[in-house]
Amino acid sequence: MAELLPKHQVFIRSIGKQFEVEDATQIQHDEKGEEVGTLKFLWDHCRETDNPNEKVVYLHNKGSFHPSKENDLLRKWLTRAALSEECSNMPISCDVCSWRFSPLPHPHNGGNMWAARCNYIRKLIDPAMFQTSMAQLYHDAGNDAWIGTGRYAAEHWVHSHPTIQACDVSTSDYVWSYKDIPEDMMILSWKRPHDII
């Protein structure tokens, strides 16, 4: 929350333990749930907004099921980037901005936190249907991180439209998984889509 800019409005869907965040609007609390339910709220919002150029930011408690130093570091960079001035002011040539966009092993950003334009989010299929669509496409491949099926479908969803113009702000060597996550402070800087690995 320390990374929030004055322009950010915060809407929370909590899962598990209910909590309150100052200056935030709680939209729903569920005892159990998954990432896809929160993505559905975001997708519905973008479809209903009067401002298709509005930018939305998607954050979650990355690594809460598997606490580790690597998940803590990845969550820090993902949050910092998604809430950054760079992603907040993404150029018109960018639909989705994240810490690191990776085309490998499928188009995604590891950890699945990002900022995006609603006019792009509107092009995506309902996130509640996306996992099923991926399963049909890949003949029930199960949880496959290499193709973005099963539980990995939520990470692939925002980058799934063929017109995607993804940008990232990482200046590190990190590409995907948990290899080369920087521990030290680094500058966030724009990369054009064709600069991305």
C-alpha atoms as a PDB file:
ATOM      1  CA  MET A   1       0.000   0.000   0.000  1.00  0.00           C
ATOM      2  CA  ALA A   2       3.019   2.268   0.461  1.00  0.00           C
ATOM      3  CA  GLU A   3       3.494   2.252  -3.340  1.00  0.00           C
ATOM      4  CA  LEU A   4       0.050   3.770  -4.060  1.00  0.00           C
ATOM      5  CA  LEU A   5      -0.030   7.018  -5.980  1.00  0.00           C
ATOM      6  CA  PRO A   6      -2.559   9.744  -5.066  1.00  0.00           C
ATOM      7  CA  LYS A   7      -4.496   8.963  -8.276  1.00  0.00           C
ATOM      8  CA  HIS A   8      -5.092   5.314  -7.313  1.00  0.00           C
ATOM      9  CA  GLN A   9      -8.482   4.198  -6.028  1.00  0.00           C
ATOM     10  CA  VAL A  10      -8.381   0.847  -4.235  1.00  0.00           C
ATOM     11  CA  PHE A  11     -11.088  -1.815  -4.472  1.00  0.00           C
ATOM     12  CA  ILE A  12     -10.576  -5.056  -2.550  1.00  0.00           C
ATOM     13  CA  ARG A  13     -11.957  -8.536  -2.870  1.00  0.00           C
ATOM     14  CA  SER A  14     -10.691 -10.384   0.190  1.00  0.00           C
ATOM     15  CA  ILE A  15     -10.439 -14.153   0.417  1.00  0.00           C
ATOM     16  CA  GLY A  16      -9.991 -16.068   3.657  1.00  0.00           C
ATOM     17  CA  LYS A  17      -9.415 -13.746   6.583  1.00  0.00           C
ATOM     18  CA  GLN A  18     -11.379 -10.522   6.280  1.00  0.00           C
ATOM     19  CA  PHE A  19      -9.436  -7.316   6.758  1.00  0.00           C
ATOM     20  CA  GLU A  20      -9.900  -3.603   6.308  1.00  0.00           C
ATOM     21  CA  VAL A  21      -7.606  -1.237   4.448  1.00  0.00           C
ATOM     22  CA  GLU A  22      -7.828   2.476   5.069  1.00  0.00           C
ATOM     23  CA  ASP A  23      -9.140   4.498   2.105  1.00  0.00           C
ATOM     24  CA  ALA A  24     -10.153   1.329   0.225  1.00  0.00           C
ATOM     25  CA  THR A  25     -13.547   0.024  -0.853  1.00  0.00           C
ATOM     26  CA  GLN A  26     -14.326  -3.603  -0.034  1.00  0.00           C
ATOM     27  CA  ILE A  27     -16.315  -5.019  -2.970  1.00  0.00           C
ATOM     28  CA  GLN A  28     -16.631  -8.579  -1.693  1.00  0.00           C
ATOM     29  CA  HIS A  29     -15.338 -11.033   0.901  1.00  0.00           C
ATOM     30  CA  ASP A  30     -15.243 -14.776   0.311  1.00  0.00           C
ATOM     31  CA  GLU A  31     -14.143 -17.534   2.678  1.00  0.00           C
ATOM     32  CA  LYS A  32     -12.672 -19.365  -0.316  1.00  0.00           C
ATOM     33  CA  GLY A  33     -11.900 -18.232  -3.822  1.00  0.00           C
ATOM     34  CA  GLU A  34      -9.419 -17.986  -6.638  1.00  0.00           C
ATOM     35  CA  GLU A  35      -7.687 -15.340  -8.692  1.00  0.00           C
ATOM     36  CA  VAL A  36     -10.176 -15.769 -11.513  1.00  0.00           C
ATOM     37  CA  GLY A  37     -13.035 -14.406  -9.403  1.00  0.00           C
ATOM     38  CA  THR A  38     -11.125 -11.169  -8.815  1.00  0.00           C
ATOM     39  CA  LEU A  39     -10.195 -10.917 -12.502  1.00  0.00           C
ATOM     40  CA  LYS A  40     -13.906 -11.238 -13.279  1.00  0.00           C
ATOM     41  CA  PHE A  41     -14.654  -8.143 -11.142  1.00  0.00           C
ATOM     42  CA  LEU A  42     -11.975  -6.225 -13.043  1.00  0.00           C
ATOM     43  CA  TRP A  43     -13.243  -7.449 -16.447  1.00  0.00           C
ATOM     44  CA  ASP A  44     -16.842  -6.509 -15.549  1.00  0.00           C
ATOM     45  CA  HIS A  45     -15.693  -3.058 -14.426  1.00  0.00           C
ATOM     46  CA  CYS A  46     -13.862  -2.428 -17.711  1.00  0.00           C
ATOM     47  CA  ARG A  47     -16.857  -3.549 -19.750  1.00  0.00           C
ATOM     48  CA  GLU A  48     -19.171  -1.205 -17.810  1.00  0.00           C
ATOM     49  CA  THR A  49     -17.014   1.917 -17.449  1.00  0.00           C
ATOM     50  CA  ASP A  50     -17.873   5.049 -19.422  1.00  0.00           C
ATOM     51  CA  ASN A  51     -14.153   5.672 -19.906  1.00  0.00           C
ATOM     52  CA  PRO A  52     -12.637   2.945 -22.126  1.00  0.00           C
ATOM     53  CA  ASN A  53      -9.200   4.598 -21.757  1.00  0.00           C
ATOM     54  CA  GLU A  54      -9.309   4.098 -17.997  1.00  0.00           C
ATOM     55  CA  LYS A  55      -6.357   2.165 -16.590  1.00  0.00           C
ATOM     56  CA  VAL A  56      -6.813  -0.566 -14.008  1.00  0.00           C
ATOM     57  CA  VAL A  57      -4.220  -2.284 -11.838  1.00  0.00           C
ATOM     58  CA  TYR A  58      -4.437  -5.911 -10.748  1.00  0.00           C
ATOM     59  CA  LEU A  59      -2.560  -6.922  -7.574  1.00  0.00           C
ATOM     60  CA  HIS A  60      -2.790  -9.924  -5.274  1.00  0.00           C
ATOM     61  CA  ASN A  61      -0.870 -11.514  -2.427  1.00  0.00           C
ATOM     62  CA  LYS A  62       1.554 -13.438  -4.643  1.00  0.00           C
ATOM     63  CA  GLY A  63       3.110 -16.405  -2.894  1.00  0.00           C
ATOM     64  CA  SER A  64       0.772 -16.512   0.092  1.00  0.00           C
ATOM     65  CA  PHE A  65       0.292 -20.283  -0.325  1.00  0.00           C
ATOM     66  CA  HIS A  66       4.039 -20.904  -0.661  1.00  0.00           C
ATOM     67  CA  PRO A  67       5.959 -18.348   1.436  1.00  0.00           C
ATOM     68  CA  SER A  68       9.592 -17.991   0.360  1.00  0.00           C
ATOM     69  CA  LYS A  69      12.280 -15.381  -0.132  1.00  0.00           C
ATOM     70  CA  GLU A  70      11.783 -15.644  -3.909  1.00  0.00           C
ATOM     71  CA  ASN A  71       8.020 -15.035  -3.656  1.00  0.00           C
ATOM     72  CA  ASP A  72       8.621 -12.055  -1.346  1.00  0.00           C
ATOM     73  CA  LEU A  73      11.079 -10.527  -3.836  1.00  0.00           C
ATOM     74  CA  LEU A  74       8.865 -11.211  -6.843  1.00  0.00           C
ATOM     75  CA  ARG A  75       5.810  -9.737  -5.064  1.00  0.00           C
ATOM     76  CA  LYS A  76       7.825  -6.600  -4.200  1.00  0.00           C
ATOM     77  CA  TRP A  77       8.897  -5.971  -7.817  1.00  0.00           C
ATOM     78  CA  LEU A  78       5.511  -6.857  -9.312  1.00  0.00           C
ATOM     79  CA  THR A  79       3.680  -4.492  -6.946  1.00  0.00           C
ATOM     80  CA  ARG A  80       6.175  -1.675  -7.368  1.00  0.00           C
ATOM     81  CA  ALA A  81       5.961  -1.863 -11.167  1.00  0.00           C
ATOM     82  CA  ALA A  82       2.169  -2.202 -11.454  1.00  0.00           C
ATOM     83  CA  LEU A  83       1.709   0.869  -9.233  1.00  0.00           C
ATOM     84  CA  SER A  84       4.582   2.868 -10.766  1.00  0.00           C
ATOM     85  CA  GLU A  85       4.361   6.206 -12.560  1.00  0.00           C
ATOM     86  CA  GLU A  86       5.733   4.400 -15.613  1.00  0.00           C
ATOM     87  CA  CYS A  87       2.825   1.936 -15.776  1.00  0.00           C
ATOM     88  CA  SER A  88       0.337   4.592 -14.702  1.00  0.00           C
ATOM     89  CA  ASN A  89       1.469   6.742 -17.637  1.00  0.00           C
ATOM     90  CA  MET A  90       1.971   3.944 -20.146  1.00  0.00           C
ATOM     91  CA  PRO A  91       2.168   5.145 -23.737  1.00  0.00           C
ATOM     92  CA  ILE A  92      -0.770   4.641 -26.083  1.00  0.00           C
ATOM     93  CA  SER A  93       1.183   1.852 -27.795  1.00  0.00           C
ATOM     94  CA  CYS A  94       0.963  -0.224 -24.609  1.00  0.00           C
ATOM     95  CA  ASP A  95      -2.101  -2.249 -23.529  1.00  0.00           C
ATOM     96  CA  VAL A  96      -0.622  -3.989 -20.488  1.00  0.00           C
ATOM     97  CA  CYS A  97       2.313  -2.854 -18.344  1.00  0.00           C
ATOM     98  CA  SER A  98       4.103  -5.054 -15.828  1.00  0.00           C
ATOM     99  CA  TRP A  99       7.468  -5.541 -14.204  1.00  0.00           C
ATOM    100  CA  ARG A 100       8.497  -8.162 -16.775  1.00  0.00           C
ATOM    101  CA  PHE A 101       6.475  -9.444 -19.705  1.00  0.00           C
ATOM    102  CA  SER A 102       7.722 -12.793 -20.944  1.00  0.00           C
ATOM    103  CA  PRO A 103       6.682 -14.615 -24.104  1.00  0.00           C
ATOM    104  CA  LEU A 104       8.180 -17.774 -22.543  1.00  0.00           C
ATOM    105  CA  PRO A 105       6.882 -20.342 -21.893  1.00  0.00           C
ATOM    106  CA  HIS A 106       3.600 -18.604 -22.876  1.00  0.00           C
ATOM    107  CA  PRO A 107       2.730 -14.879 -23.005  1.00  0.00           C
ATOM    108  CA  HIS A 108       2.520 -13.834 -19.345  1.00  0.00           C
ATOM    109  CA  ASN A 109       4.164 -11.903 -16.572  1.00  0.00           C
ATOM    110  CA  GLY A 110       5.373 -14.170 -13.794  1.00  0.00           C
ATOM    111  CA  GLY A 111       3.328 -13.523 -10.681  1.00  0.00           C
ATOM    112  CA  ASN A 112       0.432 -11.955 -12.609  1.00  0.00           C
ATOM    113  CA  MET A 113       0.333  -8.336 -11.452  1.00  0.00           C
ATOM    114  CA  TRP A 114      -0.084  -5.559 -13.985  1.00  0.00           C
ATOM    115  CA  ALA A 115      -1.689  -2.327 -15.126  1.00  0.00           C
ATOM    116  CA  ALA A 116      -3.886  -2.343 -18.243  1.00  0.00           C
ATOM    117  CA  ARG A 117      -6.191  -0.204 -20.322  1.00  0.00           C
ATOM    118  CA  CYS A 118      -9.898  -1.018 -20.118  1.00  0.00           C
ATOM    119  CA  ASN A 119     -10.278  -0.767 -23.910  1.00  0.00           C
ATOM    120  CA  TYR A 120      -7.897  -3.738 -24.151  1.00  0.00           C
ATOM    121  CA  ILE A 121      -9.422  -5.693 -21.217  1.00  0.00           C
ATOM    122  CA  ARG A 122     -12.811  -5.422 -22.980  1.00  0.00           C
ATOM    123  CA  LYS A 123     -11.394  -7.503 -25.867  1.00  0.00           C
ATOM    124  CA  LEU A 124     -10.656 -10.497 -23.617  1.00  0.00           C
ATOM    125  CA  ILE A 125     -13.047 -13.358 -23.021  1.00  0.00           C
ATOM    126  CA  ASP A 126     -14.716 -13.677 -19.637  1.00  0.00           C
ATOM    127  CA  PRO A 127     -11.949 -14.789 -17.237  1.00  0.00           C
ATOM    128  CA  ALA A 128     -14.393 -17.240 -15.661  1.00  0.00           C
ATOM    129  CA  MET A 129     -14.553 -19.029 -19.046  1.00  0.00           C
ATOM    130  CA  PHE A 130     -10.883 -18.720 -19.978  1.00  0.00           C
ATOM    131  CA  GLN A 131      -9.555 -21.759 -18.093  1.00  0.00           C
ATOM    132  CA  THR A 132     -12.250 -23.938 -19.718  1.00  0.00           C
ATOM    133  CA  SER A 133     -11.448 -22.482 -23.154  1.00  0.00           C
ATOM    134  CA  MET A 134      -7.737 -23.221 -22.675  1.00  0.00           C
ATOM    135  CA  ALA A 135      -8.568 -26.782 -21.544  1.00  0.00           C
ATOM    136  CA  GLN A 136     -10.647 -27.328 -24.686  1.00  0.00           C
ATOM    137  CA  LEU A 137      -7.930 -25.885 -26.898  1.00  0.00           C
ATOM    138  CA  TYR A 138      -5.263 -28.121 -25.372  1.00  0.00           C
ATOM    139  CA  HIS A 139      -7.440 -31.200 -24.840  1.00  0.00           C
ATOM    140  CA  ASP A 140      -7.521 -31.053 -21.029  1.00  0.00           C
ATOM    141  CA  ALA A 141      -3.772 -30.651 -20.546  1.00  0.00           C
ATOM    142  CA  GLY A 142      -4.259 -30.032 -16.795  1.00  0.00           C
ATOM    143  CA  ASN A 143      -2.033 -27.591 -14.868  1.00  0.00           C
ATOM    144  CA  ASP A 144       0.634 -26.912 -17.457  1.00  0.00           C
ATOM    145  CA  ALA A 145       2.876 -23.881 -16.855  1.00  0.00           C
ATOM    146  CA  TRP A 146       4.368 -24.280 -20.331  1.00  0.00           C
ATOM    147  CA  ILE A 147       1.133 -23.492 -22.163  1.00  0.00           C
ATOM    148  CA  GLY A 148      -0.901 -21.569 -19.586  1.00  0.00           C
ATOM    149  CA  THR A 149      -3.573 -24.129 -18.758  1.00  0.00           C
ATOM    150  CA  GLY A 150      -5.238 -25.146 -15.511  1.00  0.00           C
ATOM    151  CA  ARG A 151      -4.226 -22.920 -12.618  1.00  0.00           C
ATOM    152  CA  TYR A 152      -1.763 -21.103 -14.924  1.00  0.00           C
ATOM    153  CA  ALA A 153      -4.587 -19.857 -17.169  1.00  0.00           C
ATOM    154  CA  ALA A 154      -5.125 -16.833 -14.882  1.00  0.00           C
ATOM    155  CA  GLU A 155      -1.522 -15.713 -15.565  1.00  0.00           C
ATOM    156  CA  HIS A 156      -2.021 -16.085 -19.313  1.00  0.00           C
ATOM    157  CA  TRP A 157      -5.463 -14.403 -19.482  1.00  0.00           C
ATOM    158  CA  VAL A 158      -4.436 -10.722 -19.666  1.00  0.00           C
ATOM    159  CA  HIS A 159      -1.947 -11.451 -22.463  1.00  0.00           C
ATOM    160  CA  SER A 160      -4.234 -13.770 -24.425  1.00  0.00           C
ATOM    161  CA  HIS A 161      -5.651 -11.432 -27.073  1.00  0.00           C
ATOM    162  CA  PRO A 162      -3.808 -11.503 -30.435  1.00  0.00           C
ATOM    163  CA  THR A 163      -3.590  -7.688 -30.536  1.00  0.00           C
ATOM    164  CA  ILE A 164      -1.695  -7.434 -27.217  1.00  0.00           C
ATOM    165  CA  GLN A 165       0.928  -4.710 -26.977  1.00  0.00           C
ATOM    166  CA  ALA A 166       2.743  -5.624 -23.759  1.00  0.00           C
ATOM    167  CA  CYS A 167       5.314  -3.356 -22.161  1.00  0.00           C
ATOM    168  CA  ASP A 168       7.480  -3.809 -19.116  1.00  0.00           C
ATOM    169  CA  VAL A 169       9.655  -1.682 -16.890  1.00  0.00           C
ATOM    170  CA  SER A 170      12.254  -4.152 -15.596  1.00  0.00           C
ATOM    171  CA  THR A 171      15.918  -3.313 -16.096  1.00  0.00           C
ATOM    172  CA  SER A 172      17.006  -6.664 -14.622  1.00  0.00           C
ATOM    173  CA  ASP A 173      17.957  -9.957 -16.289  1.00  0.00           C
ATOM    174  CA  TYR A 174      14.848 -11.639 -14.908  1.00  0.00           C
ATOM    175  CA  VAL A 175      12.711 -13.345 -17.595  1.00  0.00           C
ATOM    176  CA  TRP A 176      10.403 -15.850 -15.848  1.00  0.00           C
ATOM    177  CA  SER A 177      10.139 -18.417 -13.038  1.00  0.00           C
ATOM    178  CA  TYR A 178      12.338 -17.577 -10.017  1.00  0.00           C
ATOM    179  CA  LYS A 179      15.728 -17.237 -11.693  1.00  0.00           C
ATOM    180  CA  ASP A 180      17.567 -13.879 -11.564  1.00  0.00           C
ATOM    181  CA  ILE A 181      15.061 -11.995  -9.380  1.00  0.00           C
ATOM    182  CA  PRO A 182      17.061  -8.969  -8.221  1.00  0.00           C
ATOM    183  CA  GLU A 183      17.501  -8.431  -4.494  1.00  0.00           C
ATOM    184  CA  ASP A 184      18.811  -4.875  -4.686  1.00  0.00           C
ATOM    185  CA  MET A 185      16.967  -1.715  -5.567  1.00  0.00           C
ATOM    186  CA  MET A 186      16.798  -1.019  -9.274  1.00  0.00           C
ATOM    187  CA  ILE A 187      15.435   1.686 -11.509  1.00  0.00           C
ATOM    188  CA  LEU A 188      12.188   1.022 -13.363  1.00  0.00           C
ATOM    189  CA  SER A 189      12.422   2.117 -16.972  1.00  0.00           C
ATOM    190  CA  TRP A 190      10.282   1.781 -20.100  1.00  0.00           C
ATOM    191  CA  LYS A 191      10.837  -0.879 -22.700  1.00  0.00           C
ATOM    192  CA  ARG A 192       9.066  -0.766 -26.016  1.00  0.00           C
ATOM    193  CA  PRO A 193       7.285  -3.982 -27.051  1.00  0.00           C
ATOM    194  CA  HIS A 194      10.010  -4.947 -29.528  1.00  0.00           C
ATOM    195  CA  ASP A 195      12.738  -4.475 -26.849  1.00  0.00           C
ATOM    196  CA  ILE A 196      11.268  -7.198 -24.657  1.00  0.00           C
ATOM    197  CA  ILE A 197      13.046 -10.558 -24.589  1.00  0.00           C
END
